[in-house]
Amino acid sequence: MPKRFPRKVRPREKNVPKGYDSKWEYLLHQGVLKSWDHHTDKIPYVVQHNYEPDFIKDKVLIEAKGRFWDHAEYSKYIWIRKSLPDTMELVFLFQKPYSPMPGAKKRKRNPNFNLKDLDA
């Protein structure tokens, strides 16, 4: 399997006026698009994809994974789960269940914490 390379971080533009995504957007709004509304509406959209489960029996889908490599990969399954009917279940079988999730932070342990403290 080819080696995965980390994604490049998108460079951030400096000194962008507040409320704008870029200096270019600001210049357009100050100039030729001065009479146009800026960032006033939100329009939802959905990108259509197809999911092919690794295994399926009755109403259970099984996905065999080594691990999740990045946010895009595991967020895909959140969208899949949202699109499934309530009668279907998506189950993961991890080859390496103790591998850290991308973006996961190590939990700080409190030696004085007990499960019984949750009932309080």
PDB file of N, CA and C in Angstrom:
ATOM      1  N   MET A   1       0.846  -1.173   0.000  1.00  0.00           N
ATOM      2  CA  MET A   1       0.000   0.000   0.000  1.00  0.00           C
ATOM      3  C   MET A   1       0.899   1.246   0.000  1.00  0.00           C
ATOM      4  N   PRO A   2       0.579   2.230  -0.836  1.00  0.00           N
ATOM      5  CA  PRO A   2       1.409   3.429  -0.863  1.00  0.00           C
ATOM      6  C   PRO A   2       1.319   4.198   0.445  1.00  0.00           C
ATOM      7  N   LYS A   3       2.409   4.863   0.783  1.00  0.00           N
ATOM      8  CA  LYS A   3       2.468   5.647   2.017  1.00  0.00           C
ATOM      9  C   LYS A   3       1.590   6.885   1.890  1.00  0.00           C
ATOM     10  N   ARG A   4       0.808   7.155   2.932  1.00  0.00           N
ATOM     11  CA  ARG A   4      -0.034   8.354   2.948  1.00  0.00           C
ATOM     12  C   ARG A   4       0.780   9.553   3.398  1.00  0.00           C
ATOM     13  N   PHE A   5       0.574  10.661   2.725  1.00  0.00           N
ATOM     14  CA  PHE A   5       1.238  11.887   3.115  1.00  0.00           C
ATOM     15  C   PHE A   5       0.241  12.778   3.826  1.00  0.00           C
ATOM     16  N   PRO A   6       0.696  13.503   4.846  1.00  0.00           N
ATOM     17  CA  PRO A   6      -0.240  14.385   5.543  1.00  0.00           C
ATOM     18  C   PRO A   6      -0.741  15.492   4.617  1.00  0.00           C
ATOM     19  N   ARG A   7      -1.972  15.911   4.852  1.00  0.00           N
ATOM     20  CA  ARG A   7      -2.536  16.986   4.046  1.00  0.00           C
ATOM     21  C   ARG A   7      -1.816  18.290   4.332  1.00  0.00           C
ATOM     22  N   LYS A   8      -1.701  19.119   3.295  1.00  0.00           N
ATOM     23  CA  LYS A   8      -1.083  20.425   3.473  1.00  0.00           C
ATOM     24  C   LYS A   8      -2.108  21.364   4.083  1.00  0.00           C
ATOM     25  N   VAL A   9      -1.670  22.146   5.031  1.00  0.00           N
ATOM     26  CA  VAL A   9      -2.542  23.102   5.688  1.00  0.00           C
ATOM     27  C   VAL A   9      -2.767  24.280   4.750  1.00  0.00           C
ATOM     28  N   ARG A  10      -4.017  24.679   4.623  1.00  0.00           N
ATOM     29  CA  ARG A  10      -4.343  25.819   3.764  1.00  0.00           C
ATOM     30  C   ARG A  10      -3.756  27.083   4.376  1.00  0.00           C
ATOM     31  N   PRO A  11      -2.997  27.854   3.587  1.00  0.00           N
ATOM     32  CA  PRO A  11      -2.401  29.070   4.149  1.00  0.00           C
ATOM     33  C   PRO A  11      -3.473  30.096   4.517  1.00  0.00           C
ATOM     34  N   ARG A  12      -3.268  30.794   5.611  1.00  0.00           N
ATOM     35  CA  ARG A  12      -4.205  31.810   6.072  1.00  0.00           C
ATOM     36  C   ARG A  12      -3.722  33.184   5.616  1.00  0.00           C
ATOM     37  N   GLU A  13      -4.643  33.943   5.066  1.00  0.00           N
ATOM     38  CA  GLU A  13      -4.330  35.291   4.634  1.00  0.00           C
ATOM     39  C   GLU A  13      -4.281  36.200   5.860  1.00  0.00           C
ATOM     40  N   LYS A  14      -3.303  37.105   5.913  1.00  0.00           N
ATOM     41  CA  LYS A  14      -3.142  37.998   7.064  1.00  0.00           C
ATOM     42  C   LYS A  14      -3.845  39.324   6.821  1.00  0.00           C
ATOM     43  N   ASN A  15      -4.252  39.951   7.899  1.00  0.00           N
ATOM     44  CA  ASN A  15      -4.869  41.285   7.879  1.00  0.00           C
ATOM     45  C   ASN A  15      -6.129  41.351   7.019  1.00  0.00           C
ATOM     46  N   VAL A  16      -6.964  40.331   7.131  1.00  0.00           N
ATOM     47  CA  VAL A  16      -8.239  40.316   6.405  1.00  0.00           C
ATOM     48  C   VAL A  16      -9.246  41.131   7.229  1.00  0.00           C
ATOM     49  N   PRO A  17      -9.950  42.093   6.612  1.00  0.00           N
ATOM     50  CA  PRO A  17     -10.940  42.866   7.361  1.00  0.00           C
ATOM     51  C   PRO A  17     -12.007  41.966   7.986  1.00  0.00           C
ATOM     52  N   LYS A  18     -12.469  42.353   9.161  1.00  0.00           N
ATOM     53  CA  LYS A  18     -13.449  41.553   9.897  1.00  0.00           C
ATOM     54  C   LYS A  18     -14.726  41.365   9.072  1.00  0.00           C
ATOM     55  N   GLY A  19     -15.249  40.128   9.085  1.00  0.00           N
ATOM     56  CA  GLY A  19     -16.470  39.811   8.357  1.00  0.00           C
ATOM     57  C   GLY A  19     -16.243  39.316   6.943  1.00  0.00           C
ATOM     58  N   TYR A  20     -15.003  39.317   6.487  1.00  0.00           N
ATOM     59  CA  TYR A  20     -14.678  38.887   5.129  1.00  0.00           C
ATOM     60  C   TYR A  20     -13.775  37.667   5.180  1.00  0.00           C
ATOM     61  N   ASP A  21     -13.861  36.829   4.136  1.00  0.00           N
ATOM     62  CA  ASP A  21     -13.041  35.627   4.069  1.00  0.00           C
ATOM     63  C   ASP A  21     -11.672  35.892   3.439  1.00  0.00           C
ATOM     64  N   SER A  22     -11.543  36.974   2.701  1.00  0.00           N
ATOM     65  CA  SER A  22     -10.274  37.294   2.050  1.00  0.00           C
ATOM     66  C   SER A  22     -10.235  38.791   1.733  1.00  0.00           C
ATOM     67  N   LYS A  23      -9.036  39.269   1.443  1.00  0.00           N
ATOM     68  CA  LYS A  23      -8.891  40.667   1.021  1.00  0.00           C
ATOM     69  C   LYS A  23      -9.576  40.892  -0.320  1.00  0.00           C
ATOM     70  N   TRP A  24      -9.537  39.885  -1.190  1.00  0.00           N
ATOM     71  CA  TRP A  24     -10.179  39.973  -2.498  1.00  0.00           C
ATOM     72  C   TRP A  24     -11.683  40.186  -2.330  1.00  0.00           C
ATOM     73  N   GLU A  25     -12.297  39.432  -1.446  1.00  0.00           N
ATOM     74  CA  GLU A  25     -13.725  39.567  -1.178  1.00  0.00           C
ATOM     75  C   GLU A  25     -14.031  40.980  -0.671  1.00  0.00           C
ATOM     76  N   TYR A  26     -13.193  41.484   0.218  1.00  0.00           N
ATOM     77  CA  TYR A  26     -13.361  42.835   0.759  1.00  0.00           C
ATOM     78  C   TYR A  26     -13.263  43.891  -0.351  1.00  0.00           C
ATOM     79  N   LEU A  27     -12.244  43.757  -1.212  1.00  0.00           N
ATOM     80  CA  LEU A  27     -12.060  44.727  -2.298  1.00  0.00           C
ATOM     81  C   LEU A  27     -13.251  44.719  -3.262  1.00  0.00           C
ATOM     82  N   LEU A  28     -13.766  43.535  -3.567  1.00  0.00           N
ATOM     83  CA  LEU A  28     -14.940  43.454  -4.439  1.00  0.00           C
ATOM     84  C   LEU A  28     -16.143  44.149  -3.809  1.00  0.00           C
ATOM     85  N   HIS A  29     -16.348  43.931  -2.508  1.00  0.00           N
ATOM     86  CA  HIS A  29     -17.499  44.511  -1.819  1.00  0.00           C
ATOM     87  C   HIS A  29     -17.351  46.026  -1.685  1.00  0.00           C
ATOM     88  N   GLN A  30     -16.158  46.518  -1.598  1.00  0.00           N
ATOM     89  CA  GLN A  30     -15.933  47.959  -1.515  1.00  0.00           C
ATOM     90  C   GLN A  30     -16.015  48.625  -2.889  1.00  0.00           C
ATOM     91  N   GLY A  31     -15.832  47.831  -3.940  1.00  0.00           N
ATOM     92  CA  GLY A  31     -15.806  48.375  -5.297  1.00  0.00           C
ATOM     93  C   GLY A  31     -17.042  48.026  -6.104  1.00  0.00           C
ATOM     94  N   VAL A  32     -16.866  47.146  -7.093  1.00  0.00           N
ATOM     95  CA  VAL A  32     -17.918  46.869  -8.067  1.00  0.00           C
ATOM     96  C   VAL A  32     -19.140  46.171  -7.481  1.00  0.00           C
ATOM     97  N   LEU A  33     -19.017  45.524  -6.337  1.00  0.00           N
ATOM     98  CA  LEU A  33     -20.157  44.831  -5.729  1.00  0.00           C
ATOM     99  C   LEU A  33     -20.658  45.555  -4.468  1.00  0.00           C
ATOM    100  N   LYS A  34     -20.455  46.873  -4.437  1.00  0.00           N
ATOM    101  CA  LYS A  34     -20.796  47.672  -3.256  1.00  0.00           C
ATOM    102  C   LYS A  34     -22.287  47.569  -2.902  1.00  0.00           C
ATOM    103  N   SER A  35     -23.158  47.497  -3.884  1.00  0.00           N
ATOM    104  CA  SER A  35     -24.600  47.473  -3.618  1.00  0.00           C
ATOM    105  C   SER A  35     -25.125  46.058  -3.357  1.00  0.00           C
ATOM    106  N   TRP A  36     -24.278  45.069  -3.395  1.00  0.00           N
ATOM    107  CA  TRP A  36     -24.686  43.679  -3.189  1.00  0.00           C
ATOM    108  C   TRP A  36     -24.627  43.324  -1.700  1.00  0.00           C
ATOM    109  N   ASP A  37     -25.548  42.433  -1.276  1.00  0.00           N
ATOM    110  CA  ASP A  37     -25.513  41.928   0.102  1.00  0.00           C
ATOM    111  C   ASP A  37     -24.332  40.985   0.253  1.00  0.00           C
ATOM    112  N   HIS A  38     -23.722  41.004   1.447  1.00  0.00           N
ATOM    113  CA  HIS A  38     -22.535  40.190   1.694  1.00  0.00           C
ATOM    114  C   HIS A  38     -22.786  39.254   2.872  1.00  0.00           C
ATOM    115  N   HIS A  39     -22.654  37.959   2.646  1.00  0.00           N
ATOM    116  CA  HIS A  39     -22.809  36.921   3.677  1.00  0.00           C
ATOM    117  C   HIS A  39     -24.118  37.077   4.456  1.00  0.00           C
ATOM    118  N   THR A  40     -25.231  37.229   3.762  1.00  0.00           N
ATOM    119  CA  THR A  40     -26.507  37.407   4.455  1.00  0.00           C
ATOM    120  C   THR A  40     -27.332  36.127   4.502  1.00  0.00           C
ATOM    121  N   ASP A  41     -27.112  35.196   3.568  1.00  0.00           N
ATOM    122  CA  ASP A  41     -27.912  33.976   3.510  1.00  0.00           C
ATOM    123  C   ASP A  41     -27.032  32.741   3.639  1.00  0.00           C
ATOM    124  N   LYS A  42     -27.643  31.668   4.119  1.00  0.00           N
ATOM    125  CA  LYS A  42     -26.983  30.356   4.136  1.00  0.00           C
ATOM    126  C   LYS A  42     -27.852  29.418   3.324  1.00  0.00           C
ATOM    127  N   ILE A  43     -27.235  28.719   2.400  1.00  0.00           N
ATOM    128  CA  ILE A  43     -27.955  27.826   1.505  1.00  0.00           C
ATOM    129  C   ILE A  43     -27.445  26.403   1.737  1.00  0.00           C
ATOM    130  N   PRO A  44     -28.281  25.526   2.295  1.00  0.00           N
ATOM    131  CA  PRO A  44     -27.825  24.153   2.524  1.00  0.00           C
ATOM    132  C   PRO A  44     -27.677  23.396   1.202  1.00  0.00           C
ATOM    133  N   TYR A  45     -26.739  22.470   1.162  1.00  0.00           N
ATOM    134  CA  TYR A  45     -26.560  21.628  -0.020  1.00  0.00           C
ATOM    135  C   TYR A  45     -26.055  20.254   0.410  1.00  0.00           C
ATOM    136  N   VAL A  46     -26.271  19.295  -0.447  1.00  0.00           N
ATOM    137  CA  VAL A  46     -25.858  17.920  -0.190  1.00  0.00           C
ATOM    138  C   VAL A  46     -25.080  17.431  -1.410  1.00  0.00           C
ATOM    139  N   VAL A  47     -23.958  16.781  -1.150  1.00  0.00           N
ATOM    140  CA  VAL A  47     -23.184  16.166  -2.224  1.00  0.00           C
ATOM    141  C   VAL A  47     -23.556  14.688  -2.251  1.00  0.00           C
ATOM    142  N   GLN A  48     -24.053  14.212  -3.371  1.00  0.00           N
ATOM    143  CA  GLN A  48     -24.498  12.823  -3.499  1.00  0.00           C
ATOM    144  C   GLN A  48     -23.298  11.891  -3.632  1.00  0.00           C
ATOM    145  N   HIS A  49     -23.257  10.861  -2.803  1.00  0.00           N
ATOM    146  CA  HIS A  49     -22.220   9.835  -2.864  1.00  0.00           C
ATOM    147  C   HIS A  49     -22.876   8.472  -2.750  1.00  0.00           C
ATOM    148  N   ASN A  50     -22.119   7.435  -3.037  1.00  0.00           N
ATOM    149  CA  ASN A  50     -22.588   6.065  -2.862  1.00  0.00           C
ATOM    150  C   ASN A  50     -21.648   5.349  -1.907  1.00  0.00           C
ATOM    151  N   TYR A  51     -22.235   4.593  -0.997  1.00  0.00           N
ATOM    152  CA  TYR A  51     -21.465   3.841  -0.006  1.00  0.00           C
ATOM    153  C   TYR A  51     -21.628   2.353  -0.281  1.00  0.00           C
ATOM    154  N   GLU A  52     -20.527   1.637  -0.312  1.00  0.00           N
ATOM    155  CA  GLU A  52     -20.547   0.191  -0.509  1.00  0.00           C
ATOM    156  C   GLU A  52     -20.004  -0.458   0.759  1.00  0.00           C
ATOM    157  N   PRO A  53     -20.900  -0.995   1.610  1.00  0.00           N
ATOM    158  CA  PRO A  53     -20.421  -1.596   2.860  1.00  0.00           C
ATOM    159  C   PRO A  53     -19.567  -2.831   2.583  1.00  0.00           C
ATOM    160  N   ASP A  54     -18.647  -3.113   3.512  1.00  0.00           N
ATOM    161  CA  ASP A  54     -17.797  -4.295   3.355  1.00  0.00           C
ATOM    162  C   ASP A  54     -18.613  -5.576   3.468  1.00  0.00           C
ATOM    163  N   PHE A  55     -19.526  -5.628   4.436  1.00  0.00           N
ATOM    164  CA  PHE A  55     -20.364  -6.803   4.640  1.00  0.00           C
ATOM    165  C   PHE A  55     -21.775  -6.338   4.975  1.00  0.00           C
ATOM    166  N   ILE A  56     -22.757  -7.141   4.577  1.00  0.00           N
ATOM    167  CA  ILE A  56     -24.142  -6.809   4.897  1.00  0.00           C
ATOM    168  C   ILE A  56     -24.921  -8.098   5.126  1.00  0.00           C
ATOM    169  N   LYS A  57     -25.744  -8.095   6.169  1.00  0.00           N
ATOM    170  CA  LYS A  57     -26.636  -9.218   6.452  1.00  0.00           C
ATOM    171  C   LYS A  57     -27.865  -8.647   7.129  1.00  0.00           C
ATOM    172  N   ASP A  58     -29.005  -8.977   6.578  1.00  0.00           N
ATOM    173  CA  ASP A  58     -30.273  -8.439   7.070  1.00  0.00           C
ATOM    174  C   ASP A  58     -30.199  -6.914   7.056  1.00  0.00           C
ATOM    175  N   LYS A  59     -30.252  -6.301   8.226  1.00  0.00           N
ATOM    176  CA  LYS A  59     -30.257  -4.835   8.315  1.00  0.00           C
ATOM    177  C   LYS A  59     -29.000  -4.308   9.005  1.00  0.00           C
ATOM    178  N   VAL A  60     -27.928  -5.105   9.000  1.00  0.00           N
ATOM    179  CA  VAL A  60     -26.672  -4.710   9.641  1.00  0.00           C
ATOM    180  C   VAL A  60     -25.593  -4.570   8.580  1.00  0.00           C
ATOM    181  N   LEU A  61     -24.936  -3.394   8.575  1.00  0.00           N
ATOM    182  CA  LEU A  61     -23.815  -3.129   7.669  1.00  0.00           C
ATOM    183  C   LEU A  61     -22.540  -3.193   8.503  1.00  0.00           C
ATOM    184  N   ILE A  62     -21.546  -3.923   8.036  1.00  0.00           N
ATOM    185  CA  ILE A  62     -20.276  -4.002   8.760  1.00  0.00           C
ATOM    186  C   ILE A  62     -19.188  -3.384   7.901  1.00  0.00           C
ATOM    187  N   GLU A  63     -18.431  -2.497   8.524  1.00  0.00           N
ATOM    188  CA  GLU A  63     -17.294  -1.842   7.880  1.00  0.00           C
ATOM    189  C   GLU A  63     -16.030  -2.312   8.607  1.00  0.00           C
ATOM    190  N   ALA A  64     -15.130  -2.981   7.893  1.00  0.00           N
ATOM    191  CA  ALA A  64     -13.862  -3.447   8.454  1.00  0.00           C
ATOM    192  C   ALA A  64     -12.810  -2.377   8.205  1.00  0.00           C
ATOM    193  N   LYS A  65     -12.241  -1.836   9.287  1.00  0.00           N
ATOM    194  CA  LYS A  65     -11.273  -0.740   9.168  1.00  0.00           C
ATOM    195  C   LYS A  65     -10.004  -1.085   9.943  1.00  0.00           C
ATOM    196  N   GLY A  66      -8.887  -0.666   9.417  1.00  0.00           N
ATOM    197  CA  GLY A  66      -7.650  -0.714  10.189  1.00  0.00           C
ATOM    198  C   GLY A  66      -7.699   0.383  11.236  1.00  0.00           C
ATOM    199  N   ARG A  67      -8.022   1.581  10.764  1.00  0.00           N
ATOM    200  CA  ARG A  67      -8.182   2.767  11.617  1.00  0.00           C
ATOM    201  C   ARG A  67      -8.698   3.896  10.749  1.00  0.00           C
ATOM    202  N   PHE A  68      -9.093   4.998  11.362  1.00  0.00           N
ATOM    203  CA  PHE A  68      -9.436   6.198  10.608  1.00  0.00           C
ATOM    204  C   PHE A  68      -8.164   7.021  10.461  1.00  0.00           C
ATOM    205  N   TRP A  69      -7.940   7.524   9.255  1.00  0.00           N
ATOM    206  CA  TRP A  69      -6.710   8.262   9.000  1.00  0.00           C
ATOM    207  C   TRP A  69      -6.869   9.768   9.133  1.00  0.00           C
ATOM    208  N   ASP A  70      -8.040  10.287   8.814  1.00  0.00           N
ATOM    209  CA  ASP A  70      -8.205  11.737   8.909  1.00  0.00           C
ATOM    210  C   ASP A  70      -9.674  12.079   9.135  1.00  0.00           C
ATOM    211  N   HIS A  71      -9.917  13.342   9.380  1.00  0.00           N
ATOM    212  CA  HIS A  71     -11.268  13.823   9.667  1.00  0.00           C
ATOM    213  C   HIS A  71     -12.224  13.532   8.526  1.00  0.00           C
ATOM    214  N   ALA A  72     -11.777  13.708   7.296  1.00  0.00           N
ATOM    215  CA  ALA A  72     -12.649  13.481   6.141  1.00  0.00           C
ATOM    216  C   ALA A  72     -13.126  12.037   6.092  1.00  0.00           C
ATOM    217  N   GLU A  73     -12.256  11.119   6.455  1.00  0.00           N
ATOM    218  CA  GLU A  73     -12.624   9.709   6.397  1.00  0.00           C
ATOM    219  C   GLU A  73     -13.680   9.364   7.437  1.00  0.00           C
ATOM    220  N   TYR A  74     -13.486   9.808   8.683  1.00  0.00           N
ATOM    221  CA  TYR A  74     -14.485   9.409   9.678  1.00  0.00           C
ATOM    222  C   TYR A  74     -15.737  10.265   9.615  1.00  0.00           C
ATOM    223  N   SER A  75     -15.659  11.488   9.105  1.00  0.00           N
ATOM    224  CA  SER A  75     -16.886  12.279   8.972  1.00  0.00           C
ATOM    225  C   SER A  75     -17.786  11.707   7.881  1.00  0.00           C
ATOM    226  N   LYS A  76     -17.188  10.993   6.918  1.00  0.00           N
ATOM    227  CA  LYS A  76     -17.978  10.340   5.877  1.00  0.00           C
ATOM    228  C   LYS A  76     -18.990   9.382   6.505  1.00  0.00           C
ATOM    229  N   TYR A  77     -18.563   8.656   7.528  1.00  0.00           N
ATOM    230  CA  TYR A  77     -19.445   7.670   8.155  1.00  0.00           C
ATOM    231  C   TYR A  77     -20.542   8.328   8.991  1.00  0.00           C
ATOM    232  N   ILE A  78     -20.313   9.519   9.460  1.00  0.00           N
ATOM    233  CA  ILE A  78     -21.373  10.254  10.149  1.00  0.00           C
ATOM    234  C   ILE A  78     -22.489  10.552   9.161  1.00  0.00           C
ATOM    235  N   TRP A  79     -22.129  10.970   7.951  1.00  0.00           N
ATOM    236  CA  TRP A  79     -23.135  11.256   6.913  1.00  0.00           C
ATOM    237  C   TRP A  79     -23.830   9.983   6.462  1.00  0.00           C
ATOM    238  N   ILE A  80     -23.097   8.896   6.378  1.00  0.00           N
ATOM    239  CA  ILE A  80     -23.711   7.624   6.008  1.00  0.00           C
ATOM    240  C   ILE A  80     -24.748   7.223   7.056  1.00  0.00           C
ATOM    241  N   ARG A  81     -24.366   7.314   8.322  1.00  0.00           N
ATOM    242  CA  ARG A  81     -25.290   6.949   9.399  1.00  0.00           C
ATOM    243  C   ARG A  81     -26.546   7.805   9.364  1.00  0.00           C
ATOM    244  N   LYS A  82     -26.381   9.105   9.101  1.00  0.00           N
ATOM    245  CA  LYS A  82     -27.538  10.001   9.037  1.00  0.00           C
ATOM    246  C   LYS A  82     -28.474   9.644   7.880  1.00  0.00           C
ATOM    247  N   SER A  83     -27.926   9.072   6.818  1.00  0.00           N
ATOM    248  CA  SER A  83     -28.756   8.756   5.654  1.00  0.00           C
ATOM    249  C   SER A  83     -29.421   7.381   5.751  1.00  0.00           C
ATOM    250  N   LEU A  84     -28.979   6.551   6.703  1.00  0.00           N
ATOM    251  CA  LEU A  84     -29.565   5.217   6.837  1.00  0.00           C
ATOM    252  C   LEU A  84     -30.934   5.292   7.507  1.00  0.00           C
ATOM    253  N   PRO A  85     -31.836   4.406   7.137  1.00  0.00           N
ATOM    254  CA  PRO A  85     -33.111   4.356   7.854  1.00  0.00           C
ATOM    255  C   PRO A  85     -32.887   3.852   9.287  1.00  0.00           C
ATOM    256  N   ASP A  86     -33.823   4.141  10.170  1.00  0.00           N
ATOM    257  CA  ASP A  86     -33.698   3.741  11.576  1.00  0.00           C
ATOM    258  C   ASP A  86     -33.604   2.228  11.750  1.00  0.00           C
ATOM    259  N   THR A  87     -34.039   1.478  10.776  1.00  0.00           N
ATOM    260  CA  THR A  87     -34.035   0.013  10.881  1.00  0.00           C
ATOM    261  C   THR A  87     -32.680  -0.598  10.547  1.00  0.00           C
ATOM    262  N   MET A  88     -31.727   0.211  10.047  1.00  0.00           N
ATOM    263  CA  MET A  88     -30.401  -0.310   9.692  1.00  0.00           C
ATOM    264  C   MET A  88     -29.364   0.156  10.702  1.00  0.00           C
ATOM    265  N   GLU A  89     -28.318  -0.650  10.847  1.00  0.00           N
ATOM    266  CA  GLU A  89     -27.262  -0.336  11.796  1.00  0.00           C
ATOM    267  C   GLU A  89     -25.906  -0.447  11.108  1.00  0.00           C
ATOM    268  N   LEU A  90     -25.030   0.518  11.378  1.00  0.00           N
ATOM    269  CA  LEU A  90     -23.667   0.521  10.838  1.00  0.00           C
ATOM    270  C   LEU A  90     -22.712   0.145  11.963  1.00  0.00           C
ATOM    271  N   VAL A  91     -21.963  -0.931  11.766  1.00  0.00           N
ATOM    272  CA  VAL A  91     -21.059  -1.448  12.801  1.00  0.00           C
ATOM    273  C   VAL A  91     -19.634  -1.448  12.249  1.00  0.00           C
ATOM    274  N   PHE A  92     -18.679  -1.036  13.090  1.00  0.00           N
ATOM    275  CA  PHE A  92     -17.269  -1.025  12.699  1.00  0.00           C
ATOM    276  C   PHE A  92     -16.535  -2.150  13.409  1.00  0.00           C
ATOM    277  N   LEU A  93     -15.689  -2.841  12.666  1.00  0.00           N
ATOM    278  CA  LEU A  93     -14.764  -3.817  13.237  1.00  0.00           C
ATOM    279  C   LEU A  93     -13.362  -3.293  12.946  1.00  0.00           C
ATOM    280  N   PHE A  94     -12.683  -2.833  14.006  1.00  0.00           N
ATOM    281  CA  PHE A  94     -11.361  -2.243  13.844  1.00  0.00           C
ATOM    282  C   PHE A  94     -10.277  -3.290  14.028  1.00  0.00           C
ATOM    283  N   GLN A  95      -9.337  -3.295  13.094  1.00  0.00           N
ATOM    284  CA  GLN A  95      -8.187  -4.186  13.204  1.00  0.00           C
ATOM    285  C   GLN A  95      -7.304  -3.736  14.363  1.00  0.00           C
ATOM    286  N   LYS A  96      -7.187  -2.404  14.537  1.00  0.00           N
ATOM    287  CA  LYS A  96      -6.359  -1.835  15.602  1.00  0.00           C
ATOM    288  C   LYS A  96      -7.231  -0.890  16.422  1.00  0.00           C
ATOM    289  N   PRO A  97      -8.077  -1.430  17.304  1.00  0.00           N
ATOM    290  CA  PRO A  97      -9.040  -0.573  18.014  1.00  0.00           C
ATOM    291  C   PRO A  97      -8.405   0.427  18.970  1.00  0.00           C
ATOM    292  N   TYR A  98      -7.143   0.243  19.334  1.00  0.00           N
ATOM    293  CA  TYR A  98      -6.518   1.159  20.272  1.00  0.00           C
ATOM    294  C   TYR A  98      -5.692   2.248  19.581  1.00  0.00           C
ATOM    295  N   SER A  99      -5.711   2.268  18.255  1.00  0.00           N
ATOM    296  CA  SER A  99      -5.018   3.330  17.524  1.00  0.00           C
ATOM    297  C   SER A  99      -5.744   4.654  17.773  1.00  0.00           C
ATOM    298  N   PRO A 100      -4.992   5.744  17.949  1.00  0.00           N
ATOM    299  CA  PRO A 100      -5.654   7.024  18.219  1.00  0.00           C
ATOM    300  C   PRO A 100      -6.440   7.529  17.009  1.00  0.00           C
ATOM    301  N   MET A 101      -7.545   8.183  17.298  1.00  0.00           N
ATOM    302  CA  MET A 101      -8.350   8.800  16.251  1.00  0.00           C
ATOM    303  C   MET A 101      -7.671  10.097  15.830  1.00  0.00           C
ATOM    304  N   PRO A 102      -7.813  10.504  14.574  1.00  0.00           N
ATOM    305  CA  PRO A 102      -7.236  11.778  14.147  1.00  0.00           C
ATOM    306  C   PRO A 102      -7.850  12.929  14.948  1.00  0.00           C
ATOM    307  N   GLY A 103      -7.014  13.789  15.441  1.00  0.00           N
ATOM    308  CA  GLY A 103      -7.493  14.942  16.201  1.00  0.00           C
ATOM    309  C   GLY A 103      -7.855  14.622  17.638  1.00  0.00           C
ATOM    310  N   ALA A 104      -7.702  13.346  18.054  1.00  0.00           N
ATOM    311  CA  ALA A 104      -8.047  12.978  19.429  1.00  0.00           C
ATOM    312  C   ALA A 104      -6.999  13.513  20.389  1.00  0.00           C
ATOM    313  N   LYS A 105      -7.457  13.918  21.555  1.00  0.00           N
ATOM    314  CA  LYS A 105      -6.541  14.420  22.578  1.00  0.00           C
ATOM    315  C   LYS A 105      -6.437  13.387  23.687  1.00  0.00           C
ATOM    316  N   LYS A 106      -5.263  13.292  24.260  1.00  0.00           N
ATOM    317  CA  LYS A 106      -5.073  12.349  25.344  1.00  0.00           C
ATOM    318  C   LYS A 106      -5.862  12.849  26.553  1.00  0.00           C
ATOM    319  N   ARG A 107      -6.612  11.954  27.132  1.00  0.00           N
ATOM    320  CA  ARG A 107      -7.461  12.316  28.264  1.00  0.00           C
ATOM    321  C   ARG A 107      -6.619  12.491  29.504  1.00  0.00           C
ATOM    322  N   LYS A 108      -6.877  13.585  30.221  1.00  0.00           N
ATOM    323  CA  LYS A 108      -6.190  13.813  31.487  1.00  0.00           C
ATOM    324  C   LYS A 108      -6.946  13.050  32.555  1.00  0.00           C
ATOM    325  N   ARG A 109      -6.252  12.234  33.270  1.00  0.00           N
ATOM    326  CA  ARG A 109      -6.902  11.410  34.286  1.00  0.00           C
ATOM    327  C   ARG A 109      -6.875  12.130  35.632  1.00  0.00           C
ATOM    328  N   ASN A 110      -8.009  12.087  36.296  1.00  0.00           N
ATOM    329  CA  ASN A 110      -8.118  12.637  37.638  1.00  0.00           C
ATOM    330  C   ASN A 110      -8.112  11.452  38.591  1.00  0.00           C
ATOM    331  N   PRO A 111      -7.061  11.306  39.396  1.00  0.00           N
ATOM    332  CA  PRO A 111      -6.982  10.129  40.271  1.00  0.00           C
ATOM    333  C   PRO A 111      -8.104  10.089  41.315  1.00  0.00           C
ATOM    334  N   ASN A 112      -8.748  11.224  41.589  1.00  0.00           N
ATOM    335  CA  ASN A 112      -9.796  11.262  42.599  1.00  0.00           C
ATOM    336  C   ASN A 112     -11.190  11.061  41.998  1.00  0.00           C
ATOM    337  N   PHE A 113     -11.274  10.836  40.700  1.00  0.00           N
ATOM    338  CA  PHE A 113     -12.582  10.708  40.027  1.00  0.00           C
ATOM    339  C   PHE A 113     -13.070   9.268  40.087  1.00  0.00           C
ATOM    340  N   ASN A 114     -14.337   9.108  40.412  1.00  0.00           N
ATOM    341  CA  ASN A 114     -14.987   7.801  40.445  1.00  0.00           C
ATOM    342  C   ASN A 114     -16.261   7.864  39.624  1.00  0.00           C
ATOM    343  N   LEU A 115     -16.705   6.720  39.119  1.00  0.00           N
ATOM    344  CA  LEU A 115     -17.982   6.687  38.409  1.00  0.00           C
ATOM    345  C   LEU A 115     -19.132   7.082  39.319  1.00  0.00           C
ATOM    346  N   LYS A 116     -19.003   6.807  40.617  1.00  0.00           N
ATOM    347  CA  LYS A 116     -20.075   7.177  41.537  1.00  0.00           C
ATOM    348  C   LYS A 116     -20.242   8.706  41.616  1.00  0.00           C
ATOM    349  N   ASP A 117     -19.188   9.458  41.244  1.00  0.00           N
ATOM    350  CA  ASP A 117     -19.282  10.930  41.237  1.00  0.00           C
ATOM    351  C   ASP A 117     -20.266  11.428  40.185  1.00  0.00           C
ATOM    352  N   LEU A 118     -20.537  10.605  39.163  1.00  0.00           N
ATOM    353  CA  LEU A 118     -21.466  11.013  38.114  1.00  0.00           C
ATOM    354  C   LEU A 118     -22.893  11.076  38.632  1.00  0.00           C
ATOM    355  N   ASP A 119     -23.218  10.304  39.655  1.00  0.00           N
ATOM    356  CA  ASP A 119     -24.564  10.282  40.202  1.00  0.00           C
ATOM    357  C   ASP A 119     -24.864  11.499  41.064  1.00  0.00           C
ATOM    358  N   ALA A 120     -23.835  12.188  41.479  1.00  0.00           N
ATOM    359  CA  ALA A 120     -24.024  13.327  42.405  1.00  0.00           C
ATOM    360  C   ALA A 120     -24.713  14.498  41.748  1.00  0.00           C
TER     361      ALA A 120
END
